[in-house]
Every structure is written in structure tokens, then in C-alpha cells.
C-alpha atoms as a PDB file:
ATOM      1  CA  MET A   1     -57.950 -92.835  27.589  1.00  0.00           C
ATOM      2  CA  ASP A   2     -57.224 -90.385  30.646  1.00  0.00           C
ATOM      3  CA  MET A   3     -54.898 -90.947  32.861  1.00  0.00           C
ATOM      4  CA  THR A   4     -56.386 -92.011  36.326  1.00  0.00           C
ATOM      5  CA  ARG A   5     -58.529 -94.445  33.888  1.00  0.00           C
ATOM      6  CA  ALA A   6     -55.254 -95.941  32.278  1.00  0.00           C
ATOM      7  CA  ARG A   7     -53.449 -95.990  35.847  1.00  0.00           C
ATOM      8  CA  ASN A   8     -56.769 -97.979  37.211  1.00  0.00           C
ATOM      9  CA  THR A   9     -56.389-100.243  34.122  1.00  0.00           C
ATOM     10  CA  VAL A  10     -52.122-100.752  34.535  1.00  0.00           C
ATOM     11  CA  ARG A  11     -53.244-101.497  38.273  1.00  0.00           C
ATOM     12  CA  LEU A  12     -55.782-104.314  37.376  1.00  0.00           C
ATOM     13  CA  LEU A  13     -53.528-105.678  34.881  1.00  0.00           C
ATOM     14  CA  ALA A  14     -50.637-105.787  37.638  1.00  0.00           C
ATOM     15  CA  GLY A  15     -53.544-107.368  40.132  1.00  0.00           C
ATOM     16  CA  ALA A  16     -53.842-110.017  37.507  1.00  0.00           C
ATOM     17  CA  LEU A  17     -50.325-110.979  36.744  1.00  0.00           C
ATOM     18  CA  VAL A  18     -49.501-110.939  40.378  1.00  0.00           C
ATOM     19  CA  LEU A  19     -52.675-113.628  41.144  1.00  0.00           C
ATOM     20  CA  LEU A  20     -51.381-115.697  38.071  1.00  0.00           C
ATOM     21  CA  LEU A  21     -47.827-115.890  39.334  1.00  0.00           C
ATOM     22  CA  ALA A  22     -49.105-116.859  42.890  1.00  0.00           C
ATOM     23  CA  ALA A  23     -51.241-119.868  41.168  1.00  0.00           C
ATOM     24  CA  ALA A  24     -48.596-120.586  39.377  1.00  0.00           C
ATOM     25  CA  CYS A  25     -45.736-121.138  42.065  1.00  0.00           C
ATOM     26  CA  GLY A  26     -47.867-121.521  45.041  1.00  0.00           C
ATOM     27  CA  SER A  27     -47.789-119.716  48.368  1.00  0.00           C
ATOM     28  CA  VAL A  28     -46.450-119.972  51.625  1.00  0.00           C
ATOM     29  CA  ASP A  29     -48.902-118.054  53.431  1.00  0.00           C
ATOM     30  CA  ASP A  30     -51.582-119.316  55.269  1.00  0.00           C
ATOM     31  CA  PRO A  31     -54.486-117.353  55.393  1.00  0.00           C
ATOM     32  CA  GLY A  32     -56.052-119.366  58.114  1.00  0.00           C
ATOM     33  CA  ALA A  33     -53.490-118.750  60.557  1.00  0.00           C
ATOM     34  CA  PRO A  34     -54.197-116.242  63.111  1.00  0.00           C
ATOM     35  CA  LEU A  35     -52.903-112.716  63.070  1.00  0.00           C
ATOM     36  CA  GLY A  36     -51.313-112.872  66.999  1.00  0.00           C
ATOM     37  CA  ASP A  37     -50.074-109.825  67.781  1.00  0.00           C
ATOM     38  CA  ILE A  38     -49.736-107.541  64.654  1.00  0.00           C
ATOM     39  CA  GLU A  39     -49.794-103.743  65.013  1.00  0.00           C
ATOM     40  CA  MET A  40     -52.337-102.118  62.961  1.00  0.00           C
ATOM     41  CA  PRO A  41     -50.919 -98.920  62.087  1.00  0.00           C
ATOM     42  CA  PHE A  42     -54.088 -97.619  60.764  1.00  0.00           C
ATOM     43  CA  GLU A  43     -57.813 -97.475  61.949  1.00  0.00           C
ATOM     44  CA  LEU A  44     -60.744 -98.199  60.076  1.00  0.00           C
ATOM     45  CA  ASP A  45     -62.849 -95.632  60.639  1.00  0.00           C
ATOM     46  CA  ALA A  46     -60.042 -92.576  60.908  1.00  0.00           C
ATOM     47  CA  VAL A  47     -59.027 -93.458  57.706  1.00  0.00           C
ATOM     48  CA  ALA A  48     -62.900 -93.277  56.406  1.00  0.00           C
ATOM     49  CA  VAL A  49     -62.633 -89.754  58.060  1.00  0.00           C
ATOM     50  CA  GLU A  50     -59.607 -89.292  56.202  1.00  0.00           C
ATOM     51  CA  ILE A  51     -60.338 -90.050  52.990  1.00  0.00           C
ATOM     52  CA  GLU A  52     -64.057 -90.822  51.887  1.00  0.00           C
ATOM     53  CA  GLY A  53     -65.717 -88.496  49.552  1.00  0.00           C
ATOM     54  CA  ALA A  54     -61.885 -87.580  48.175  1.00  0.00           C
ATOM     55  CA  SER A  55     -60.918 -87.932  44.585  1.00  0.00           C
ATOM     56  CA  LEU A  56     -58.624 -90.842  44.086  1.00  0.00           C
ATOM     57  CA  GLU A  57     -55.616 -88.600  42.960  1.00  0.00           C
ATOM     58  CA  ASP A  58     -56.247 -86.786  46.730  1.00  0.00           C
ATOM     59  CA  ALA A  59     -56.446 -90.154  48.964  1.00  0.00           C
ATOM     60  CA  GLU A  60     -53.194 -91.676  46.372  1.00  0.00           C
ATOM     61  CA  ALA A  61     -51.334 -88.540  48.185  1.00  0.00           C
ATOM     62  CA  TRP A  62     -52.491 -88.581  51.717  1.00  0.00           C
ATOM     63  CA  ALA A  63     -51.507 -92.493  51.544  1.00  0.00           C
ATOM     64  CA  ASP A  64     -48.396 -92.070  50.854  1.00  0.00           C
ATOM     65  CA  ARG A  65     -47.637 -89.371  53.295  1.00  0.00           C
ATOM     66  CA  GLN A  66     -49.025 -91.914  55.890  1.00  0.00           C
ATOM     67  CA  GLY A  67     -47.031 -95.084  54.038  1.00  0.00           C
ATOM     68  CA  ALA A  68     -50.176 -96.892  53.520  1.00  0.00           C
ATOM     69  CA  GLU A  69     -50.787 -98.356  50.198  1.00  0.00           C
ATOM     70  CA  LEU A  70     -54.036 -97.910  48.672  1.00  0.00           C
ATOM     71  CA  ARG A  71     -56.023-101.050  46.735  1.00  0.00           C
ATOM     72  CA  ILE A  72     -58.806-100.538  44.740  1.00  0.00           C
ATOM     73  CA  VAL A  73     -60.680-103.925  45.650  1.00  0.00           C
ATOM     74  CA  ARG A  74     -64.169-102.629  43.484  1.00  0.00           C
ATOM     75  CA  LEU A  75     -64.138 -99.793  40.867  1.00  0.00           C
ATOM     76  CA  ASP A  76     -67.083 -98.328  39.184  1.00  0.00           C
ATOM     77  CA  GLY A  77     -69.463-101.212  41.222  1.00  0.00           C
ATOM     78  CA  GLU A  78     -67.525-103.977  39.928  1.00  0.00           C
ATOM     79  CA  ASP A  79     -65.243-106.072  42.437  1.00  0.00           C
ATOM     80  CA  LEU A  80     -61.403-106.408  41.430  1.00  0.00           C
ATOM     81  CA  ALA A  81     -59.462-109.544  41.722  1.00  0.00           C
ATOM     82  CA  ALA A  82     -57.730-109.337  45.058  1.00  0.00           C
ATOM     83  CA  THR A  83     -54.995-111.362  46.694  1.00  0.00           C
ATOM     84  CA  THR A  84     -56.136-112.178  50.158  1.00  0.00           C
ATOM     85  CA  ASP A  85     -52.775-112.127  52.095  1.00  0.00           C
ATOM     86  CA  PHE A  86     -52.233-109.451  55.110  1.00  0.00           C
ATOM     87  CA  VAL A  87     -50.892-106.718  54.816  1.00  0.00           C
ATOM     88  CA  PRO A  88     -51.375-104.135  57.738  1.00  0.00           C
ATOM     89  CA  GLU A  89     -49.988-100.815  55.474  1.00  0.00           C
ATOM     90  CA  ARG A  90     -52.765-101.976  53.176  1.00  0.00           C
ATOM     91  CA  ILE A  91     -55.847 -99.979  52.992  1.00  0.00           C
ATOM     92  CA  ASN A  92     -58.728-101.288  50.545  1.00  0.00           C
ATOM     93  CA  ILE A  93     -60.959 -99.129  48.349  1.00  0.00           C
ATOM     94  CA  PHE A  94     -64.064 -98.695  46.193  1.00  0.00           C
ATOM     95  CA  VAL A  95     -63.781 -96.044  43.789  1.00  0.00           C
ATOM     96  CA  ALA A  96     -66.856 -94.674  41.351  1.00  0.00           C
ATOM     97  CA  ASP A  97     -65.619 -92.253  39.137  1.00  0.00           C
ATOM     98  CA  ASP A  98     -62.641 -91.542  40.574  1.00  0.00           C
ATOM     99  CA  VAL A  99     -63.885 -90.609  44.238  1.00  0.00           C
ATOM    100  CA  VAL A 100     -62.994 -92.939  47.329  1.00  0.00           C
ATOM    101  CA  THR A 101     -66.636 -94.115  47.906  1.00  0.00           C
ATOM    102  CA  GLU A 102     -65.605 -96.079  50.517  1.00  0.00           C
ATOM    103  CA  VAL A 103     -62.991 -97.862  52.898  1.00  0.00           C
ATOM    104  CA  SER A 104     -63.555-101.057  52.942  1.00  0.00           C
ATOM    105  CA  SER A 105     -61.082-102.747  55.078  1.00  0.00           C
ATOM    106  CA  ILE A 106     -57.410-102.689  56.693  1.00  0.00           C
ATOM    107  CA  GLY A 107     -55.122-105.068  55.169  1.00  0.00           C
END
């Protein structure tokens, strides 16, 4: 198993663990609450210009420099589990063959 696939597997397992813990403990977040005046540090189209078509490794390096967190929500055509909490610094991406194919959302 190459390092990128191993890293993605670890991320998937970590995400599943977070979901299990959230389900067991409940959540204090109100997903129906309005976002109000949350300052958005990134603009979707601008991020897409920077990382769509880039290797996952290069996209992660870019995100680190920007203080952002990348979350893979679709890997090789398969949707992955993701929490519904809102994190302004999180960039949700689709990845196929270790290349960012789409920036799907911010948060």
C-alpha cells in the first residue's frame, strides 16, 4: 500500500471514529442555527483555482501554508462520511487518483 493510500485510510478511520464518538456522546452543536456573521477566511472559487488539478500532496502543502484544513469528502468516486459541523477553515474536496478534482465546499 503506498503512503498516500495509507494516509487516506488513516483519515477515513479517524473520521469514522469521530462519528462514532459524536453519536455516543451527543452533540452540543445546533446544525439548524444560523451562521450569523461568521468571517469566511476563504472564497470557494479562489481556492478552486489554487488546488483543483493539484496532487493531494501539493494541495495539503498549500492548505498548511494558508492555515486551512483539507477534508476529503469523496475519494475515487466514493462519498466518505463527514460531520455536519461548520468549520470556516475547512475545505472539503473530491480526490481521484491522488489528484484534487473539485473543491466542493468551505466549512
